[in-house]
């Protein structure tokens, strides 16, 4: 078992308990999701079927529905409590969009997106092959152990020419907390999950059948008055330690105080505790497969008819 492997039962349980508090605490996820939505402006898509993989309480499911009122949107999460919140949130938001109100005043029937809730692991979607135009995912990759298998599954679900768009935490996320844990004489590798580098994610996408992945990152700094405020935010988002190799039992007050002291040591001139969040952005297009799953080449009749390209 890898030291970075998740206890999926614990992860699901803690994220489920956060269903009522996640939206208020997830300031970074909300802002990053908004920035990812803006990238649709460059892609000029008119998707008919969108998968929101890792929908959480539905904030961005609602934004997708408002942006694409003619689409069917599947709100997918591995936690039932999140899906139960996401579907009505998205339905209410899409019904109240400005274009819908404008059409209603003009006596016309506005297009309304169809919102469907799906409870499933993100790497095992109960969806037909090549049934979606867009697979969107905002800050959900950290809940998955096998990213190559995840991207292979997303490639299966997307149509050729479809696009995957996602954000994820990068390796420098919570780096200050890792240092403080190690300074306290504990092992950060058993307390805080290590996140995947954007270059590795790009390679995984290519291997899964996506073309020309566009990857970039930014570093966001959060400020906290106390370590306790950081603990509260992590609990409210269901992002406490769910590593399978985590120490069992509650952390002692002495150890917590030592970690808090390590965070305090990083303050500048008595200022706030600063916590880094490295945000990885990515999108890539699904292309037609060139080989079968067992490695045999695929030759398409249309390619033969077109003949060789002029050199």
C-alpha atoms as a PDB file:
ATOM      1  CA  UNK A   1       0.000   0.000   0.000  1.00  0.00           C
ATOM      2  CA  UNK A   2       1.323   3.424  -0.971  1.00  0.00           C
ATOM      3  CA  UNK A   3       1.857   5.936   1.842  1.00  0.00           C
ATOM      4  CA  UNK A   4      -0.208   8.381  -0.244  1.00  0.00           C
ATOM      5  CA  UNK A   5      -3.196   6.059  -0.710  1.00  0.00           C
ATOM      6  CA  UNK A   6      -6.559   7.162   0.633  1.00  0.00           C
ATOM      7  CA  UNK A   7      -8.916   5.425   3.013  1.00  0.00           C
ATOM      8  CA  UNK A   8     -11.858   5.866   0.650  1.00  0.00           C
ATOM      9  CA  UNK A   9     -14.466   4.977   3.281  1.00  0.00           C
ATOM     10  CA  UNK A  10     -13.143   7.659   5.652  1.00  0.00           C
ATOM     11  CA  UNK A  11     -12.796  10.163   2.801  1.00  0.00           C
ATOM     12  CA  UNK A  12     -16.391   9.623   1.720  1.00  0.00           C
ATOM     13  CA  UNK A  13     -17.703   9.860   5.290  1.00  0.00           C
ATOM     14  CA  UNK A  14     -15.884  13.098   6.144  1.00  0.00           C
ATOM     15  CA  UNK A  15     -16.744  14.774   2.858  1.00  0.00           C
ATOM     16  CA  UNK A  16     -20.363  13.776   3.379  1.00  0.00           C
ATOM     17  CA  UNK A  17     -20.430  15.393   6.811  1.00  0.00           C
ATOM     18  CA  UNK A  18     -19.149  18.580   5.180  1.00  0.00           C
ATOM     19  CA  UNK A  19     -22.088  18.817   2.750  1.00  0.00           C
ATOM     20  CA  UNK A  20     -23.732  21.647   4.704  1.00  0.00           C
ATOM     21  CA  UNK A  21     -20.534  23.617   5.434  1.00  0.00           C
ATOM     22  CA  UNK A  22     -18.412  23.116   2.304  1.00  0.00           C
ATOM     23  CA  UNK A  23     -19.834  25.959   0.185  1.00  0.00           C
ATOM     24  CA  UNK A  24     -19.125  28.606   2.835  1.00  0.00           C
ATOM     25  CA  UNK A  25     -15.605  27.373   3.636  1.00  0.00           C
ATOM     26  CA  UNK A  26     -14.323  26.603   0.131  1.00  0.00           C
ATOM     27  CA  UNK A  27     -13.225  30.118  -0.818  1.00  0.00           C
ATOM     28  CA  UNK A  28     -10.340  28.955  -3.012  1.00  0.00           C
ATOM     29  CA  UNK A  29     -12.407  26.325  -4.806  1.00  0.00           C
ATOM     30  CA  UNK A  30     -15.129  28.862  -5.575  1.00  0.00           C
ATOM     31  CA  UNK A  31     -12.704  31.397  -7.029  1.00  0.00           C
ATOM     32  CA  UNK A  32     -10.706  28.812  -8.961  1.00  0.00           C
ATOM     33  CA  UNK A  33     -13.904  27.346 -10.394  1.00  0.00           C
ATOM     34  CA  UNK A  34     -14.977  30.803 -11.524  1.00  0.00           C
ATOM     35  CA  UNK A  35     -11.661  31.258 -13.336  1.00  0.00           C
ATOM     36  CA  UNK A  36     -11.994  27.845 -14.965  1.00  0.00           C
ATOM     37  CA  UNK A  37     -15.474  28.769 -16.186  1.00  0.00           C
ATOM     38  CA  UNK A  38     -14.016  31.827 -17.895  1.00  0.00           C
ATOM     39  CA  UNK A  39     -11.911  29.547 -20.088  1.00  0.00           C
ATOM     40  CA  UNK A  40     -15.068  28.514 -21.921  1.00  0.00           C
ATOM     41  CA  UNK A  41     -14.930  31.976 -23.500  1.00  0.00           C
ATOM     42  CA  UNK A  42     -11.866  30.870 -25.464  1.00  0.00           C
ATOM     43  CA  UNK A  43     -13.167  27.431 -26.478  1.00  0.00           C
ATOM     44  CA  UNK A  44     -16.450  28.499 -28.133  1.00  0.00           C
ATOM     45  CA  UNK A  45     -18.286  25.287 -27.260  1.00  0.00           C
ATOM     46  CA  UNK A  46     -21.991  24.500 -27.507  1.00  0.00           C
ATOM     47  CA  UNK A  47     -22.103  21.252 -25.535  1.00  0.00           C
ATOM     48  CA  UNK A  48     -25.233  19.148 -25.285  1.00  0.00           C
ATOM     49  CA  UNK A  49     -24.105  16.935 -22.412  1.00  0.00           C
ATOM     50  CA  UNK A  50     -21.770  18.022 -19.600  1.00  0.00           C
ATOM     51  CA  UNK A  51     -20.415  15.938 -16.735  1.00  0.00           C
ATOM     52  CA  UNK A  52     -19.569  17.861 -13.557  1.00  0.00           C
ATOM     53  CA  UNK A  53     -17.234  15.290 -11.987  1.00  0.00           C
ATOM     54  CA  UNK A  54     -16.963  16.032  -8.283  1.00  0.00           C
ATOM     55  CA  UNK A  55     -19.887  18.439  -8.166  1.00  0.00           C
ATOM     56  CA  UNK A  56     -19.810  18.998  -4.393  1.00  0.00           C
ATOM     57  CA  UNK A  57     -22.827  21.040  -3.235  1.00  0.00           C
ATOM     58  CA  UNK A  58     -23.562  22.240  -6.771  1.00  0.00           C
ATOM     59  CA  UNK A  59     -22.184  25.771  -6.896  1.00  0.00           C
ATOM     60  CA  UNK A  60     -20.463  25.238 -10.239  1.00  0.00           C
ATOM     61  CA  UNK A  61     -23.099  22.814 -11.485  1.00  0.00           C
ATOM     62  CA  UNK A  62     -25.392  25.827 -11.228  1.00  0.00           C
ATOM     63  CA  UNK A  63     -22.898  28.038 -13.072  1.00  0.00           C
ATOM     64  CA  UNK A  64     -22.580  25.469 -15.870  1.00  0.00           C
ATOM     65  CA  UNK A  65     -26.369  25.268 -16.147  1.00  0.00           C
ATOM     66  CA  UNK A  66     -26.665  29.046 -16.384  1.00  0.00           C
ATOM     67  CA  UNK A  67     -23.949  29.221 -19.063  1.00  0.00           C
ATOM     68  CA  UNK A  68     -25.327  26.333 -21.154  1.00  0.00           C
ATOM     69  CA  UNK A  69     -29.128  26.416 -20.788  1.00  0.00           C
ATOM     70  CA  UNK A  70     -29.721  23.887 -23.581  1.00  0.00           C
ATOM     71  CA  UNK A  71     -27.413  21.242 -22.128  1.00  0.00           C
ATOM     72  CA  UNK A  72     -28.033  18.201 -19.977  1.00  0.00           C
ATOM     73  CA  UNK A  73     -25.748  18.433 -16.960  1.00  0.00           C
ATOM     74  CA  UNK A  74     -24.801  15.416 -14.864  1.00  0.00           C
ATOM     75  CA  UNK A  75     -23.859  16.326 -11.298  1.00  0.00           C
ATOM     76  CA  UNK A  76     -21.563  13.479 -10.229  1.00  0.00           C
ATOM     77  CA  UNK A  77     -20.018  12.976  -6.812  1.00  0.00           C
ATOM     78  CA  UNK A  78     -18.861  10.015  -4.734  1.00  0.00           C
ATOM     79  CA  UNK A  79     -20.897  11.349  -1.796  1.00  0.00           C
ATOM     80  CA  UNK A  80     -24.689  11.106  -1.930  1.00  0.00           C
ATOM     81  CA  UNK A  81     -25.222  14.072   0.423  1.00  0.00           C
ATOM     82  CA  UNK A  82     -23.376  16.342  -2.011  1.00  0.00           C
ATOM     83  CA  UNK A  83     -25.411  15.206  -5.022  1.00  0.00           C
ATOM     84  CA  UNK A  84     -28.643  15.667  -3.056  1.00  0.00           C
ATOM     85  CA  UNK A  85     -27.703  19.309  -2.492  1.00  0.00           C
ATOM     86  CA  UNK A  86     -26.255  19.937  -5.945  1.00  0.00           C
ATOM     87  CA  UNK A  87     -29.279  19.036  -8.066  1.00  0.00           C
ATOM     88  CA  UNK A  88     -31.810  21.474  -6.505  1.00  0.00           C
ATOM     89  CA  UNK A  89     -29.163  24.206  -6.219  1.00  0.00           C
ATOM     90  CA  UNK A  90     -28.387  23.920  -9.938  1.00  0.00           C
ATOM     91  CA  UNK A  91     -32.044  23.684 -10.905  1.00  0.00           C
ATOM     92  CA  UNK A  92     -32.935  26.861  -8.985  1.00  0.00           C
ATOM     93  CA  UNK A  93     -30.003  28.802 -10.385  1.00  0.00           C
ATOM     94  CA  UNK A  94     -30.647  27.850 -14.004  1.00  0.00           C
ATOM     95  CA  UNK A  95     -34.313  28.776 -13.733  1.00  0.00           C
ATOM     96  CA  UNK A  96     -33.382  32.232 -12.496  1.00  0.00           C
ATOM     97  CA  UNK A  97     -30.763  33.175 -15.087  1.00  0.00           C
ATOM     98  CA  UNK A  98     -30.970  36.641 -16.611  1.00  0.00           C
ATOM     99  CA  UNK A  99     -31.610  35.315 -20.108  1.00  0.00           C
ATOM    100  CA  UNK A 100     -34.435  33.146 -18.808  1.00  0.00           C
ATOM    101  CA  UNK A 101     -36.091  36.110 -17.133  1.00  0.00           C
ATOM    102  CA  UNK A 102     -35.663  38.197 -20.289  1.00  0.00           C
ATOM    103  CA  UNK A 103     -37.301  35.552 -22.485  1.00  0.00           C
ATOM    104  CA  UNK A 104     -40.103  35.085 -19.984  1.00  0.00           C
ATOM    105  CA  UNK A 105     -40.899  38.816 -20.094  1.00  0.00           C
ATOM    106  CA  UNK A 106     -40.968  38.595 -23.888  1.00  0.00           C
ATOM    107  CA  UNK A 107     -43.503  35.770 -23.704  1.00  0.00           C
ATOM    108  CA  UNK A 108     -41.070  33.154 -24.975  1.00  0.00           C
ATOM    109  CA  UNK A 109     -40.266  29.825 -23.360  1.00  0.00           C
ATOM    110  CA  UNK A 110     -36.587  29.859 -22.295  1.00  0.00           C
ATOM    111  CA  UNK A 111     -34.411  26.809 -22.667  1.00  0.00           C
ATOM    112  CA  UNK A 112     -33.823  25.149 -19.310  1.00  0.00           C
ATOM    113  CA  UNK A 113     -31.009  22.705 -18.713  1.00  0.00           C
ATOM    114  CA  UNK A 114     -31.765  19.216 -17.534  1.00  0.00           C
ATOM    115  CA  UNK A 115     -29.953  18.454 -14.260  1.00  0.00           C
ATOM    116  CA  UNK A 116     -29.321  14.822 -13.336  1.00  0.00           C
ATOM    117  CA  UNK A 117     -27.671  13.622 -10.141  1.00  0.00           C
ATOM    118  CA  UNK A 118     -25.329  10.626 -10.179  1.00  0.00           C
ATOM    119  CA  UNK A 119     -23.666   9.082  -7.116  1.00  0.00           C
ATOM    120  CA  UNK A 120     -20.535   7.293  -8.320  1.00  0.00           C
ATOM    121  CA  UNK A 121     -16.774   7.074  -7.999  1.00  0.00           C
ATOM    122  CA  UNK A 122     -15.223   9.549 -10.419  1.00  0.00           C
ATOM    123  CA  UNK A 123     -13.102   6.801 -11.963  1.00  0.00           C
ATOM    124  CA  UNK A 124     -16.040   4.441 -12.531  1.00  0.00           C
ATOM    125  CA  UNK A 125     -18.803   6.474 -14.112  1.00  0.00           C
ATOM    126  CA  UNK A 126     -22.083   4.671 -14.899  1.00  0.00           C
ATOM    127  CA  UNK A 127     -22.273   6.460 -18.249  1.00  0.00           C
ATOM    128  CA  UNK A 128     -22.282   5.308 -21.859  1.00  0.00           C
ATOM    129  CA  UNK A 129     -19.149   5.374 -23.978  1.00  0.00           C
ATOM    130  CA  UNK A 130     -18.629   8.667 -25.822  1.00  0.00           C
ATOM    131  CA  UNK A 131     -21.785  10.196 -24.394  1.00  0.00           C
ATOM    132  CA  UNK A 132     -20.504  13.568 -23.146  1.00  0.00           C
ATOM    133  CA  UNK A 133     -19.178  16.687 -24.858  1.00  0.00           C
ATOM    134  CA  UNK A 134     -17.502  18.223 -21.804  1.00  0.00           C
ATOM    135  CA  UNK A 135     -16.114  16.684 -18.650  1.00  0.00           C
ATOM    136  CA  UNK A 136     -15.589  19.400 -16.054  1.00  0.00           C
ATOM    137  CA  UNK A 137     -13.960  18.862 -12.662  1.00  0.00           C
ATOM    138  CA  UNK A 138     -13.064  21.501 -10.062  1.00  0.00           C
ATOM    139  CA  UNK A 139     -10.754  20.480  -7.201  1.00  0.00           C
ATOM    140  CA  UNK A 140     -11.761  16.816  -7.103  1.00  0.00           C
ATOM    141  CA  UNK A 141      -8.633  14.937  -8.244  1.00  0.00           C
ATOM    142  CA  UNK A 142      -7.317  14.855  -4.666  1.00  0.00           C
ATOM    143  CA  UNK A 143     -10.057  12.340  -3.828  1.00  0.00           C
ATOM    144  CA  UNK A 144      -8.780   9.819  -6.402  1.00  0.00           C
ATOM    145  CA  UNK A 145      -5.923   7.329  -5.929  1.00  0.00           C
ATOM    146  CA  UNK A 146      -5.365   6.169  -9.515  1.00  0.00           C
ATOM    147  CA  UNK A 147      -5.179   9.206 -11.806  1.00  0.00           C
ATOM    148  CA  UNK A 148      -4.132   7.289 -14.978  1.00  0.00           C
ATOM    149  CA  UNK A 149      -7.203   5.066 -14.598  1.00  0.00           C
ATOM    150  CA  UNK A 150      -9.348   8.136 -13.923  1.00  0.00           C
ATOM    151  CA  UNK A 151      -8.249   9.852 -17.137  1.00  0.00           C
ATOM    152  CA  UNK A 152      -8.760   6.640 -19.114  1.00  0.00           C
ATOM    153  CA  UNK A 153     -12.329   6.498 -17.800  1.00  0.00           C
ATOM    154  CA  UNK A 154     -12.934  10.145 -18.649  1.00  0.00           C
ATOM    155  CA  UNK A 155     -11.634   9.479 -22.158  1.00  0.00           C
ATOM    156  CA  UNK A 156     -14.096   6.591 -22.464  1.00  0.00           C
ATOM    157  CA  UNK A 157     -17.021   8.837 -21.502  1.00  0.00           C
ATOM    158  CA  UNK A 158     -16.097  11.773 -23.773  1.00  0.00           C
ATOM    159  CA  UNK A 159     -16.932  11.975 -27.454  1.00  0.00           C
ATOM    160  CA  UNK A 160     -14.093  12.370 -29.923  1.00  0.00           C
ATOM    161  CA  UNK A 161     -13.599  16.132 -30.087  1.00  0.00           C
ATOM    162  CA  UNK A 162     -14.878  16.543 -26.526  1.00  0.00           C
ATOM    163  CA  UNK A 163     -12.907  18.434 -23.921  1.00  0.00           C
ATOM    164  CA  UNK A 164     -11.856  17.724 -20.356  1.00  0.00           C
ATOM    165  CA  UNK A 165     -11.425  20.792 -18.125  1.00  0.00           C
ATOM    166  CA  UNK A 166     -10.234  20.596 -14.548  1.00  0.00           C
ATOM    167  CA  UNK A 167      -8.432  22.142 -11.625  1.00  0.00           C
ATOM    168  CA  UNK A 168      -6.516  20.332  -8.892  1.00  0.00           C
ATOM    169  CA  UNK A 169      -4.227  21.104  -5.958  1.00  0.00           C
ATOM    170  CA  UNK A 170      -0.534  20.920  -6.847  1.00  0.00           C
ATOM    171  CA  UNK A 171       2.479  19.714  -4.806  1.00  0.00           C
ATOM    172  CA  UNK A 172       3.087  22.993  -2.947  1.00  0.00           C
ATOM    173  CA  UNK A 173      -0.432  23.052  -1.499  1.00  0.00           C
ATOM    174  CA  UNK A 174      -0.265  23.204   2.330  1.00  0.00           C
ATOM    175  CA  UNK A 175       3.534  23.192   2.217  1.00  0.00           C
ATOM    176  CA  UNK A 176       3.693  25.365   5.359  1.00  0.00           C
ATOM    177  CA  UNK A 177       1.551  22.835   7.229  1.00  0.00           C
ATOM    178  CA  UNK A 178       3.822  19.989   6.121  1.00  0.00           C
ATOM    179  CA  UNK A 179       6.866  21.854   7.446  1.00  0.00           C
ATOM    180  CA  UNK A 180       5.180  22.579  10.759  1.00  0.00           C
ATOM    181  CA  UNK A 181       4.203  18.915  11.188  1.00  0.00           C
ATOM    182  CA  UNK A 182       7.760  17.776  10.522  1.00  0.00           C
ATOM    183  CA  UNK A 183       9.154  20.420  12.902  1.00  0.00           C
ATOM    184  CA  UNK A 184       6.830  19.050  15.578  1.00  0.00           C
ATOM    185  CA  UNK A 185       8.532  15.671  15.260  1.00  0.00           C
ATOM    186  CA  UNK A 186       5.705  14.062  13.308  1.00  0.00           C
ATOM    187  CA  UNK A 187       5.683  12.655   9.774  1.00  0.00           C
ATOM    188  CA  UNK A 188       3.877  14.971   7.331  1.00  0.00           C
ATOM    189  CA  UNK A 189       3.715  12.168   4.748  1.00  0.00           C
ATOM    190  CA  UNK A 190       1.254  10.374   7.069  1.00  0.00           C
ATOM    191  CA  UNK A 191      -0.731  13.521   7.853  1.00  0.00           C
ATOM    192  CA  UNK A 192      -1.092  15.479   4.581  1.00  0.00           C
ATOM    193  CA  UNK A 193      -1.612  14.009   1.150  1.00  0.00           C
ATOM    194  CA  UNK A 194       1.021  14.686  -1.515  1.00  0.00           C
ATOM    195  CA  UNK A 195      -0.554  16.131  -4.676  1.00  0.00           C
ATOM    196  CA  UNK A 196       0.473  15.481  -8.278  1.00  0.00           C
ATOM    197  CA  UNK A 197       2.681  17.763 -10.374  1.00  0.00           C
ATOM    198  CA  UNK A 198       1.133  19.389 -13.458  1.00  0.00           C
ATOM    199  CA  UNK A 199       3.749  17.861 -15.802  1.00  0.00           C
ATOM    200  CA  UNK A 200       2.863  14.369 -14.591  1.00  0.00           C
ATOM    201  CA  UNK A 201      -0.833  15.108 -15.072  1.00  0.00           C
ATOM    202  CA  UNK A 202      -0.146  16.287 -18.628  1.00  0.00           C
ATOM    203  CA  UNK A 203       1.698  13.041 -19.413  1.00  0.00           C
ATOM    204  CA  UNK A 204      -1.190  11.016 -17.997  1.00  0.00           C
ATOM    205  CA  UNK A 205      -3.671  12.870 -20.200  1.00  0.00           C
ATOM    206  CA  UNK A 206      -1.665  12.125 -23.361  1.00  0.00           C
ATOM    207  CA  UNK A 207      -1.394   8.454 -22.407  1.00  0.00           C
ATOM    208  CA  UNK A 208      -5.182   8.333 -21.889  1.00  0.00           C
ATOM    209  CA  UNK A 209      -5.867   9.565 -25.429  1.00  0.00           C
ATOM    210  CA  UNK A 210      -6.067  13.340 -25.024  1.00  0.00           C
ATOM    211  CA  UNK A 211      -4.268  15.726 -27.358  1.00  0.00           C
ATOM    212  CA  UNK A 212      -2.283  18.880 -26.697  1.00  0.00           C
ATOM    213  CA  UNK A 213      -3.023  19.266 -22.981  1.00  0.00           C
ATOM    214  CA  UNK A 214      -2.804  22.882 -21.844  1.00  0.00           C
ATOM    215  CA  UNK A 215      -1.445  22.985 -18.298  1.00  0.00           C
ATOM    216  CA  UNK A 216      -0.644  25.940 -16.084  1.00  0.00           C
ATOM    217  CA  UNK A 217      -0.578  26.817 -12.411  1.00  0.00           C
ATOM    218  CA  UNK A 218      -0.846  29.679  -9.971  1.00  0.00           C
ATOM    219  CA  UNK A 219      -0.044  30.030  -6.301  1.00  0.00           C
ATOM    220  CA  UNK A 220      -2.729  31.418  -3.996  1.00  0.00           C
ATOM    221  CA  UNK A 221      -1.877  32.455  -0.438  1.00  0.00           C
ATOM    222  CA  UNK A 222      -4.483  32.203   2.304  1.00  0.00           C
ATOM    223  CA  UNK A 223      -4.117  34.113   5.562  1.00  0.00           C
ATOM    224  CA  UNK A 224      -5.263  32.887   8.968  1.00  0.00           C
ATOM    225  CA  UNK A 225      -5.199  34.677  12.302  1.00  0.00           C
ATOM    226  CA  UNK A 226      -4.657  31.392  14.174  1.00  0.00           C
ATOM    227  CA  UNK A 227      -3.918  27.745  13.489  1.00  0.00           C
ATOM    228  CA  UNK A 228      -7.344  26.967  14.928  1.00  0.00           C
ATOM    229  CA  UNK A 229      -8.978  28.915  12.105  1.00  0.00           C
ATOM    230  CA  UNK A 230      -7.103  26.740   9.602  1.00  0.00           C
ATOM    231  CA  UNK A 231      -8.251  23.553  11.372  1.00  0.00           C
ATOM    232  CA  UNK A 232     -11.863  24.779  11.258  1.00  0.00           C
ATOM    233  CA  UNK A 233     -11.702  25.462   7.520  1.00  0.00           C
ATOM    234  CA  UNK A 234     -10.203  22.051   6.770  1.00  0.00           C
ATOM    235  CA  UNK A 235     -12.910  20.323   8.832  1.00  0.00           C
ATOM    236  CA  UNK A 236     -15.674  22.385   7.204  1.00  0.00           C
ATOM    237  CA  UNK A 237     -14.460  21.238   3.766  1.00  0.00           C
ATOM    238  CA  UNK A 238     -14.113  17.592   4.810  1.00  0.00           C
ATOM    239  CA  UNK A 239     -10.394  17.775   4.091  1.00  0.00           C
ATOM    240  CA  UNK A 240      -8.923  16.353   7.250  1.00  0.00           C
ATOM    241  CA  UNK A 241      -6.498  13.433   7.130  1.00  0.00           C
ATOM    242  CA  UNK A 242      -7.991  10.383   5.378  1.00  0.00           C
ATOM    243  CA  UNK A 243      -4.761   8.702   4.308  1.00  0.00           C
ATOM    244  CA  UNK A 244      -4.908   4.938   4.745  1.00  0.00           C
ATOM    245  CA  UNK A 245      -1.510   5.065   6.490  1.00  0.00           C
ATOM    246  CA  UNK A 246      -2.546   7.845   8.894  1.00  0.00           C
ATOM    247  CA  UNK A 247      -1.894   7.380  12.610  1.00  0.00           C
ATOM    248  CA  UNK A 248      -5.015   6.109  14.323  1.00  0.00           C
ATOM    249  CA  UNK A 249      -6.538   7.929  17.264  1.00  0.00           C
ATOM    250  CA  UNK A 250      -6.872  11.615  18.017  1.00  0.00           C
ATOM    251  CA  UNK A 251      -3.856  13.907  17.836  1.00  0.00           C
ATOM    252  CA  UNK A 252      -2.786  14.926  21.341  1.00  0.00           C
ATOM    253  CA  UNK A 253      -3.181  18.556  22.450  1.00  0.00           C
ATOM    254  CA  UNK A 254       0.604  18.742  22.912  1.00  0.00           C
ATOM    255  CA  UNK A 255       1.230  17.653  19.309  1.00  0.00           C
ATOM    256  CA  UNK A 256      -1.401  20.070  17.993  1.00  0.00           C
ATOM    257  CA  UNK A 257       0.194  22.885  19.978  1.00  0.00           C
ATOM    258  CA  UNK A 258       3.611  21.990  18.558  1.00  0.00           C
ATOM    259  CA  UNK A 259       2.272  22.098  14.992  1.00  0.00           C
ATOM    260  CA  UNK A 260       0.545  25.426  15.707  1.00  0.00           C
ATOM    261  CA  UNK A 261       3.857  26.761  17.051  1.00  0.00           C
ATOM    262  CA  UNK A 262       5.543  25.703  13.808  1.00  0.00           C
ATOM    263  CA  UNK A 263       2.934  27.639  11.831  1.00  0.00           C
ATOM    264  CA  UNK A 264       3.357  30.648  14.118  1.00  0.00           C
ATOM    265  CA  UNK A 265       7.104  30.570  13.483  1.00  0.00           C
ATOM    266  CA  UNK A 266       6.393  31.322   9.832  1.00  0.00           C
ATOM    267  CA  UNK A 267       4.611  34.602  10.566  1.00  0.00           C
ATOM    268  CA  UNK A 268       6.259  37.730   9.183  1.00  0.00           C
ATOM    269  CA  UNK A 269       6.528  40.659  11.606  1.00  0.00           C
ATOM    270  CA  UNK A 270       3.656  39.348  13.674  1.00  0.00           C
ATOM    271  CA  UNK A 271       1.369  39.046  10.653  1.00  0.00           C
ATOM    272  CA  UNK A 272      -1.051  36.236   9.811  1.00  0.00           C
ATOM    273  CA  UNK A 273      -0.257  32.582   9.218  1.00  0.00           C
ATOM    274  CA  UNK A 274       0.161  32.134   5.467  1.00  0.00           C
ATOM    275  CA  UNK A 275      -0.926  28.916   3.762  1.00  0.00           C
ATOM    276  CA  UNK A 276      -0.106  28.190   0.125  1.00  0.00           C
ATOM    277  CA  UNK A 277      -2.490  26.585  -2.348  1.00  0.00           C
ATOM    278  CA  UNK A 278      -0.883  25.627  -5.649  1.00  0.00           C
ATOM    279  CA  UNK A 279      -3.646  25.461  -8.250  1.00  0.00           C
ATOM    280  CA  UNK A 280      -3.193  23.335 -11.364  1.00  0.00           C
ATOM    281  CA  UNK A 281      -5.417  24.179 -14.352  1.00  0.00           C
ATOM    282  CA  UNK A 282      -5.732  21.879 -17.337  1.00  0.00           C
ATOM    283  CA  UNK A 283      -7.763  21.171 -20.413  1.00  0.00           C
ATOM    284  CA  UNK A 284      -7.298  18.785 -23.311  1.00  0.00           C
ATOM    285  CA  UNK A 285      -9.234  17.438 -26.281  1.00  0.00           C
ATOM    286  CA  UNK A 286     -10.108  13.815 -26.852  1.00  0.00           C
ATOM    287  CA  UNK A 287      -8.827  12.512 -30.196  1.00  0.00           C
ATOM    288  CA  UNK A 288      -9.640   9.326 -32.072  1.00  0.00           C
ATOM    289  CA  UNK A 289      -7.679   6.329 -30.773  1.00  0.00           C
ATOM    290  CA  UNK A 290      -4.725   5.171 -32.885  1.00  0.00           C
ATOM    291  CA  UNK A 291      -4.323   1.822 -31.121  1.00  0.00           C
ATOM    292  CA  UNK A 292      -6.582  -0.754 -29.506  1.00  0.00           C
ATOM    293  CA  UNK A 293      -6.335  -1.485 -25.790  1.00  0.00           C
ATOM    294  CA  UNK A 294      -4.001  -4.433 -26.536  1.00  0.00           C
ATOM    295  CA  UNK A 295      -1.649  -2.311 -28.665  1.00  0.00           C
ATOM    296  CA  UNK A 296      -2.809  -3.061 -32.213  1.00  0.00           C
ATOM    297  CA  UNK A 297      -2.903  -0.161 -34.662  1.00  0.00           C
ATOM    298  CA  UNK A 298      -6.240   1.204 -35.880  1.00  0.00           C
ATOM    299  CA  UNK A 299      -6.591   2.078 -39.571  1.00  0.00           C
ATOM    300  CA  UNK A 300      -9.735   3.994 -40.505  1.00  0.00           C
ATOM    301  CA  UNK A 301     -11.361   3.525 -43.908  1.00  0.00           C
ATOM    302  CA  UNK A 302     -11.814   7.289 -44.311  1.00  0.00           C
ATOM    303  CA  UNK A 303      -8.077   7.805 -43.842  1.00  0.00           C
ATOM    304  CA  UNK A 304      -7.325   5.251 -46.572  1.00  0.00           C
ATOM    305  CA  UNK A 305      -9.776   6.902 -48.972  1.00  0.00           C
ATOM    306  CA  UNK A 306      -8.181  10.298 -48.424  1.00  0.00           C
ATOM    307  CA  UNK A 307      -4.785   8.851 -49.283  1.00  0.00           C
ATOM    308  CA  UNK A 308      -1.416  10.144 -48.088  1.00  0.00           C
ATOM    309  CA  UNK A 309      -1.052  13.787 -47.173  1.00  0.00           C
ATOM    310  CA  UNK A 310       0.970  15.969 -49.502  1.00  0.00           C
ATOM    311  CA  UNK A 311       4.468  16.508 -48.129  1.00  0.00           C
END
